[in-house]
Every structure is written in C-alpha cells, then in structure tokens.
Amino acid sequence: MARLIAGLDWSSTPLGARQSWPSSLCCVVRLVLASPCPLVVLWGREGTMLYNDAYAVFAGSRHPFLLGKPVELGWPEVAAFNRHVVDTCLAGGALSYKDKE
C-alpha cells in the first residue's frame, strides 16, 4: 500500500498534493501502514480514504478503487453510517463499536 499511496496523483483528490499534506496526516498514514490490522483513515469532510494492506484485503474487489476516494462513494450501501462517523469525529466526538452486531 505504501507504494500505491506514494504513486497516486493526490492532487486530483480533496487532499491535494502529498507535499502539501499536514504533518498530522503523514504521521497517521505511517501508523496505519505499519499496522497488521485492517485500518482506514477517513480524512476531511469527504472522508477521503487511505488504508493499509490488511484493509485492502478486507475491501476485496473495491481495492484499489477506494484509495483516495470519498468514503460515501466507495461504500454507497453504508453511506449514511459513514457520514455519521465522519461528522461525529469532525465535531470532536468519539465512537465505539466493540462487540456490536
């Protein structure tokens, strides 16, 4: 995933060119890429998706389409859920889904 992220033309996404990314985003991406667990970052109002190798497996045939896309476009069948996640987090809230069915 690190190579795909490095090779993507981010200037055509809401995140803009990688050189202009805030250090906080760069740090989060490094942490996500190092994890063996499936992790995705939903960055900004659009929930632009960046994820690791384990999440790519989880995404199945949607990978690599999801990379750099708004989460609602990538997962339209759960768009309302993902909009709630993004809005809650941007408002400073926290979410927990441990042991939820």
N, C-alpha and C. Protein backbone atom coordinates (compact mmCIF):
# COMPACT_ATOMS: atom_id res chain seq x y z
N MET A 1 0.83 -1.20 0.00
CA MET A 1 0.00 0.00 0.00
C MET A 1 0.87 1.25 0.00
N ALA A 2 2.00 1.18 0.65
CA ALA A 2 2.87 2.36 0.69
C ALA A 2 3.23 2.80 -0.72
N ARG A 3 3.52 1.84 -1.60
CA ARG A 3 3.86 2.19 -2.99
C ARG A 3 2.66 2.79 -3.72
N LEU A 4 1.49 2.22 -3.51
CA LEU A 4 0.29 2.76 -4.16
C LEU A 4 0.01 4.18 -3.68
N ILE A 5 0.14 4.40 -2.39
CA ILE A 5 -0.09 5.74 -1.84
C ILE A 5 0.94 6.71 -2.40
N ALA A 6 2.19 6.29 -2.47
CA ALA A 6 3.25 7.16 -2.99
C ALA A 6 3.05 7.45 -4.47
N GLY A 7 2.48 6.50 -5.22
CA GLY A 7 2.34 6.67 -6.65
C GLY A 7 1.06 7.33 -7.12
N LEU A 8 0.11 7.51 -6.23
CA LEU A 8 -1.18 8.10 -6.62
C LEU A 8 -1.06 9.60 -6.83
N ASP A 9 -1.75 10.12 -7.84
CA ASP A 9 -1.79 11.57 -8.07
C ASP A 9 -2.81 12.18 -7.11
N TRP A 10 -2.35 12.53 -5.93
CA TRP A 10 -3.23 13.05 -4.89
C TRP A 10 -3.72 14.45 -5.21
N SER A 11 -3.09 15.13 -6.15
CA SER A 11 -3.54 16.49 -6.49
C SER A 11 -4.94 16.48 -7.08
N SER A 12 -5.39 15.33 -7.56
CA SER A 12 -6.75 15.23 -8.12
C SER A 12 -7.77 14.80 -7.06
N THR A 13 -7.35 14.75 -5.80
CA THR A 13 -8.25 14.38 -4.70
C THR A 13 -8.43 15.58 -3.77
N PRO A 14 -9.40 15.51 -2.86
CA PRO A 14 -9.57 16.61 -1.89
C PRO A 14 -8.34 16.85 -1.01
N LEU A 15 -7.45 15.85 -0.90
CA LEU A 15 -6.26 16.01 -0.06
C LEU A 15 -5.19 16.88 -0.70
N GLY A 16 -5.21 16.97 -2.01
CA GLY A 16 -4.18 17.74 -2.70
C GLY A 16 -2.86 16.99 -2.75
N ALA A 17 -1.86 17.63 -3.32
CA ALA A 17 -0.54 17.01 -3.50
C ALA A 17 0.04 16.56 -2.16
N ARG A 18 0.71 15.42 -2.16
CA ARG A 18 1.27 14.87 -0.91
C ARG A 18 2.21 15.85 -0.22
N GLN A 19 2.91 16.65 -0.99
CA GLN A 19 3.85 17.61 -0.41
C GLN A 19 3.14 18.65 0.45
N SER A 20 1.85 18.84 0.23
CA SER A 20 1.10 19.84 0.99
C SER A 20 0.32 19.24 2.16
N TRP A 21 0.42 17.94 2.37
CA TRP A 21 -0.31 17.30 3.47
C TRP A 21 0.22 17.79 4.81
N PRO A 22 -0.66 17.99 5.77
CA PRO A 22 -0.19 18.36 7.12
C PRO A 22 0.60 17.20 7.74
N SER A 23 1.49 17.55 8.64
CA SER A 23 2.31 16.52 9.28
C SER A 23 1.44 15.52 10.05
N SER A 24 0.29 15.96 10.56
CA SER A 24 -0.59 15.04 11.29
C SER A 24 -1.11 13.94 10.37
N LEU A 25 -1.45 14.27 9.14
CA LEU A 25 -1.92 13.26 8.19
C LEU A 25 -0.78 12.31 7.84
N CYS A 26 0.39 12.83 7.58
CA CYS A 26 1.55 11.98 7.26
C CYS A 26 1.84 11.01 8.39
N CYS A 27 1.76 11.48 9.61
CA CYS A 27 2.02 10.63 10.78
C CYS A 27 0.97 9.53 10.90
N VAL A 28 -0.28 9.88 10.73
CA VAL A 28 -1.37 8.89 10.82
C VAL A 28 -1.21 7.84 9.72
N VAL A 29 -0.88 8.25 8.52
CA VAL A 29 -0.72 7.30 7.42
C VAL A 29 0.43 6.34 7.73
N ARG A 30 1.53 6.83 8.25
CA ARG A 30 2.65 5.94 8.62
C ARG A 30 2.21 4.92 9.67
N LEU A 31 1.46 5.36 10.66
CA LEU A 31 0.98 4.44 11.70
C LEU A 31 0.04 3.38 11.12
N VAL A 32 -0.87 3.80 10.27
CA VAL A 32 -1.82 2.88 9.65
C VAL A 32 -1.08 1.85 8.80
N LEU A 33 -0.13 2.30 8.00
CA LEU A 33 0.60 1.39 7.12
C LEU A 33 1.39 0.35 7.91
N ALA A 34 1.83 0.69 9.09
CA ALA A 34 2.63 -0.23 9.91
C ALA A 34 1.79 -1.27 10.65
N SER A 35 0.50 -1.09 10.68
CA SER A 35 -0.36 -2.00 11.45
C SER A 35 -0.71 -3.26 10.66
N PRO A 36 -0.71 -4.42 11.34
CA PRO A 36 -1.15 -5.64 10.68
C PRO A 36 -2.69 -5.76 10.65
N CYS A 37 -3.38 -4.92 11.41
CA CYS A 37 -4.84 -4.93 11.46
C CYS A 37 -5.40 -4.07 10.34
N PRO A 38 -6.58 -4.42 9.81
CA PRO A 38 -7.18 -3.59 8.77
C PRO A 38 -7.56 -2.22 9.33
N LEU A 39 -6.94 -1.18 8.79
CA LEU A 39 -7.21 0.19 9.23
C LEU A 39 -7.41 1.09 8.03
N VAL A 40 -8.34 2.03 8.19
CA VAL A 40 -8.60 3.03 7.16
C VAL A 40 -8.67 4.40 7.83
N VAL A 41 -8.13 5.39 7.13
CA VAL A 41 -8.24 6.79 7.56
C VAL A 41 -9.31 7.42 6.69
N LEU A 42 -10.24 8.12 7.31
CA LEU A 42 -11.25 8.91 6.59
C LEU A 42 -10.92 10.36 6.88
N TRP A 43 -10.24 11.02 5.94
CA TRP A 43 -9.69 12.35 6.20
C TRP A 43 -10.57 13.44 5.61
N GLY A 44 -10.85 14.43 6.43
CA GLY A 44 -11.59 15.60 5.97
C GLY A 44 -13.08 15.36 5.86
N ARG A 45 -13.78 16.39 5.47
CA ARG A 45 -15.24 16.35 5.35
C ARG A 45 -15.71 15.24 4.41
N GLU A 46 -14.93 15.00 3.36
CA GLU A 46 -15.30 13.98 2.37
C GLU A 46 -15.01 12.56 2.86
N GLY A 47 -14.19 12.45 3.90
CA GLY A 47 -13.79 11.12 4.35
C GLY A 47 -12.92 10.44 3.31
N THR A 48 -11.95 11.18 2.77
CA THR A 48 -11.05 10.61 1.77
C THR A 48 -10.31 9.42 2.37
N MET A 49 -10.33 8.31 1.66
CA MET A 49 -9.83 7.05 2.20
C MET A 49 -8.36 6.80 1.90
N LEU A 50 -7.62 6.48 2.97
CA LEU A 50 -6.25 5.97 2.90
C LEU A 50 -6.23 4.75 3.81
N TYR A 51 -5.61 3.67 3.38
CA TYR A 51 -5.69 2.44 4.16
C TYR A 51 -4.45 1.58 3.97
N ASN A 52 -4.40 0.52 4.79
CA ASN A 52 -3.23 -0.35 4.78
C ASN A 52 -3.50 -1.65 4.00
N ASP A 53 -2.47 -2.50 3.96
CA ASP A 53 -2.58 -3.76 3.22
C ASP A 53 -3.70 -4.65 3.73
N ALA A 54 -3.86 -4.73 5.04
CA ALA A 54 -4.91 -5.58 5.61
C ALA A 54 -6.30 -5.06 5.23
N TYR A 55 -6.48 -3.75 5.17
CA TYR A 55 -7.77 -3.19 4.75
C TYR A 55 -8.00 -3.45 3.26
N ALA A 56 -6.93 -3.46 2.47
CA ALA A 56 -7.07 -3.77 1.04
C ALA A 56 -7.65 -5.16 0.85
N VAL A 57 -7.23 -6.11 1.69
CA VAL A 57 -7.79 -7.47 1.64
C VAL A 57 -9.27 -7.42 2.01
N PHE A 58 -9.60 -6.69 3.08
CA PHE A 58 -10.99 -6.53 3.51
C PHE A 58 -11.84 -5.91 2.40
N ALA A 59 -11.29 -4.94 1.68
CA ALA A 59 -12.03 -4.23 0.63
C ALA A 59 -12.29 -5.11 -0.59
N GLY A 60 -11.53 -6.15 -0.75
CA GLY A 60 -11.75 -7.07 -1.86
C GLY A 60 -11.64 -6.40 -3.21
N SER A 61 -12.64 -6.62 -4.05
CA SER A 61 -12.61 -6.10 -5.42
C SER A 61 -12.74 -4.58 -5.50
N ARG A 62 -13.06 -3.93 -4.39
CA ARG A 62 -13.14 -2.45 -4.39
C ARG A 62 -11.75 -1.82 -4.34
N HIS A 63 -10.76 -2.61 -3.96
CA HIS A 63 -9.38 -2.14 -3.95
C HIS A 63 -8.80 -2.34 -5.34
N PRO A 64 -8.10 -1.39 -5.89
CA PRO A 64 -7.60 -0.13 -5.34
C PRO A 64 -8.50 1.08 -5.59
N PHE A 65 -9.70 0.84 -6.14
CA PHE A 65 -10.60 1.97 -6.42
C PHE A 65 -10.81 2.87 -5.21
N LEU A 66 -10.90 2.29 -4.02
CA LEU A 66 -11.20 3.07 -2.81
C LEU A 66 -10.13 4.10 -2.46
N LEU A 67 -8.90 3.83 -2.80
CA LEU A 67 -7.79 4.69 -2.38
C LEU A 67 -7.96 6.11 -2.93
N GLY A 68 -8.05 7.07 -2.02
CA GLY A 68 -8.18 8.47 -2.41
C GLY A 68 -9.61 8.91 -2.72
N LYS A 69 -10.55 7.99 -2.55
CA LYS A 69 -11.95 8.31 -2.84
C LYS A 69 -12.70 8.68 -1.57
N PRO A 70 -13.76 9.49 -1.69
CA PRO A 70 -14.62 9.75 -0.54
C PRO A 70 -15.30 8.45 -0.10
N VAL A 71 -15.40 8.26 1.19
CA VAL A 71 -15.91 7.01 1.73
C VAL A 71 -17.34 6.73 1.26
N GLU A 72 -18.15 7.75 1.10
CA GLU A 72 -19.54 7.53 0.67
C GLU A 72 -19.61 7.03 -0.77
N LEU A 73 -18.64 7.41 -1.59
CA LEU A 73 -18.57 6.91 -2.96
C LEU A 73 -18.07 5.46 -2.97
N GLY A 74 -17.11 5.17 -2.11
CA GLY A 74 -16.53 3.84 -2.08
C GLY A 74 -17.43 2.78 -1.48
N TRP A 75 -18.22 3.17 -0.49
CA TRP A 75 -19.13 2.24 0.20
C TRP A 75 -20.55 2.84 0.21
N PRO A 76 -21.20 2.96 -0.96
CA PRO A 76 -22.51 3.63 -1.02
C PRO A 76 -23.60 2.93 -0.22
N GLU A 77 -23.49 1.61 -0.05
CA GLU A 77 -24.54 0.88 0.68
C GLU A 77 -24.53 1.18 2.17
N VAL A 78 -23.47 1.77 2.67
CA VAL A 78 -23.40 2.17 4.08
C VAL A 78 -23.02 3.65 4.19
N ALA A 79 -23.46 4.43 3.21
CA ALA A 79 -23.10 5.85 3.16
C ALA A 79 -23.59 6.61 4.39
N ALA A 80 -24.80 6.35 4.83
CA ALA A 80 -25.34 7.08 5.99
C ALA A 80 -24.52 6.77 7.25
N PHE A 81 -24.14 5.53 7.43
CA PHE A 81 -23.30 5.15 8.57
C PHE A 81 -21.96 5.89 8.52
N ASN A 82 -21.31 5.86 7.36
CA ASN A 82 -20.01 6.52 7.22
C ASN A 82 -20.12 8.04 7.35
N ARG A 83 -21.21 8.63 6.89
CA ARG A 83 -21.40 10.07 7.06
C ARG A 83 -21.49 10.39 8.54
N HIS A 84 -22.20 9.56 9.30
CA HIS A 84 -22.30 9.74 10.75
C HIS A 84 -20.92 9.66 11.40
N VAL A 85 -20.12 8.68 11.00
CA VAL A 85 -18.76 8.52 11.55
C VAL A 85 -17.94 9.78 11.29
N VAL A 86 -17.90 10.23 10.04
CA VAL A 86 -17.10 11.40 9.69
C VAL A 86 -17.60 12.64 10.43
N ASP A 87 -18.90 12.87 10.40
CA ASP A 87 -19.45 14.07 11.06
C ASP A 87 -19.20 14.06 12.57
N THR A 88 -19.37 12.91 13.20
CA THR A 88 -19.14 12.81 14.65
C THR A 88 -17.68 13.11 14.98
N CYS A 89 -16.78 12.52 14.24
CA CYS A 89 -15.35 12.73 14.52
C CYS A 89 -14.92 14.16 14.24
N LEU A 90 -15.42 14.75 13.17
CA LEU A 90 -15.06 16.14 12.87
C LEU A 90 -15.61 17.11 13.91
N ALA A 91 -16.69 16.71 14.58
CA ALA A 91 -17.26 17.54 15.65
C ALA A 91 -16.57 17.30 16.99
N GLY A 92 -15.54 16.44 17.00
CA GLY A 92 -14.80 16.18 18.23
C GLY A 92 -15.33 15.02 19.04
N GLY A 93 -16.29 14.30 18.49
CA GLY A 93 -16.87 13.17 19.20
C GLY A 93 -16.04 11.91 19.06
N ALA A 94 -16.47 10.89 19.76
CA ALA A 94 -15.81 9.58 19.71
C ALA A 94 -16.86 8.51 19.47
N LEU A 95 -16.45 7.45 18.82
CA LEU A 95 -17.35 6.34 18.53
C LEU A 95 -16.71 5.05 19.00
N SER A 96 -17.52 4.11 19.45
CA SER A 96 -17.03 2.79 19.83
C SER A 96 -18.02 1.75 19.35
N TYR A 97 -17.51 0.74 18.67
CA TYR A 97 -18.37 -0.31 18.14
C TYR A 97 -17.95 -1.69 18.62
N LYS A 98 -17.29 -1.77 19.75
CA LYS A 98 -16.82 -3.05 20.28
C LYS A 98 -18.00 -3.97 20.56
N ASP A 99 -17.88 -5.18 20.07
CA ASP A 99 -18.88 -6.23 20.31
C ASP A 99 -20.28 -5.86 19.82
N LYS A 100 -20.36 -5.05 18.78
CA LYS A 100 -21.65 -4.70 18.18
C LYS A 100 -21.98 -5.70 17.09
N GLU A 101 -23.24 -5.99 16.91
CA GLU A 101 -23.67 -6.88 15.84
C GLU A 101 -24.37 -6.11 14.77
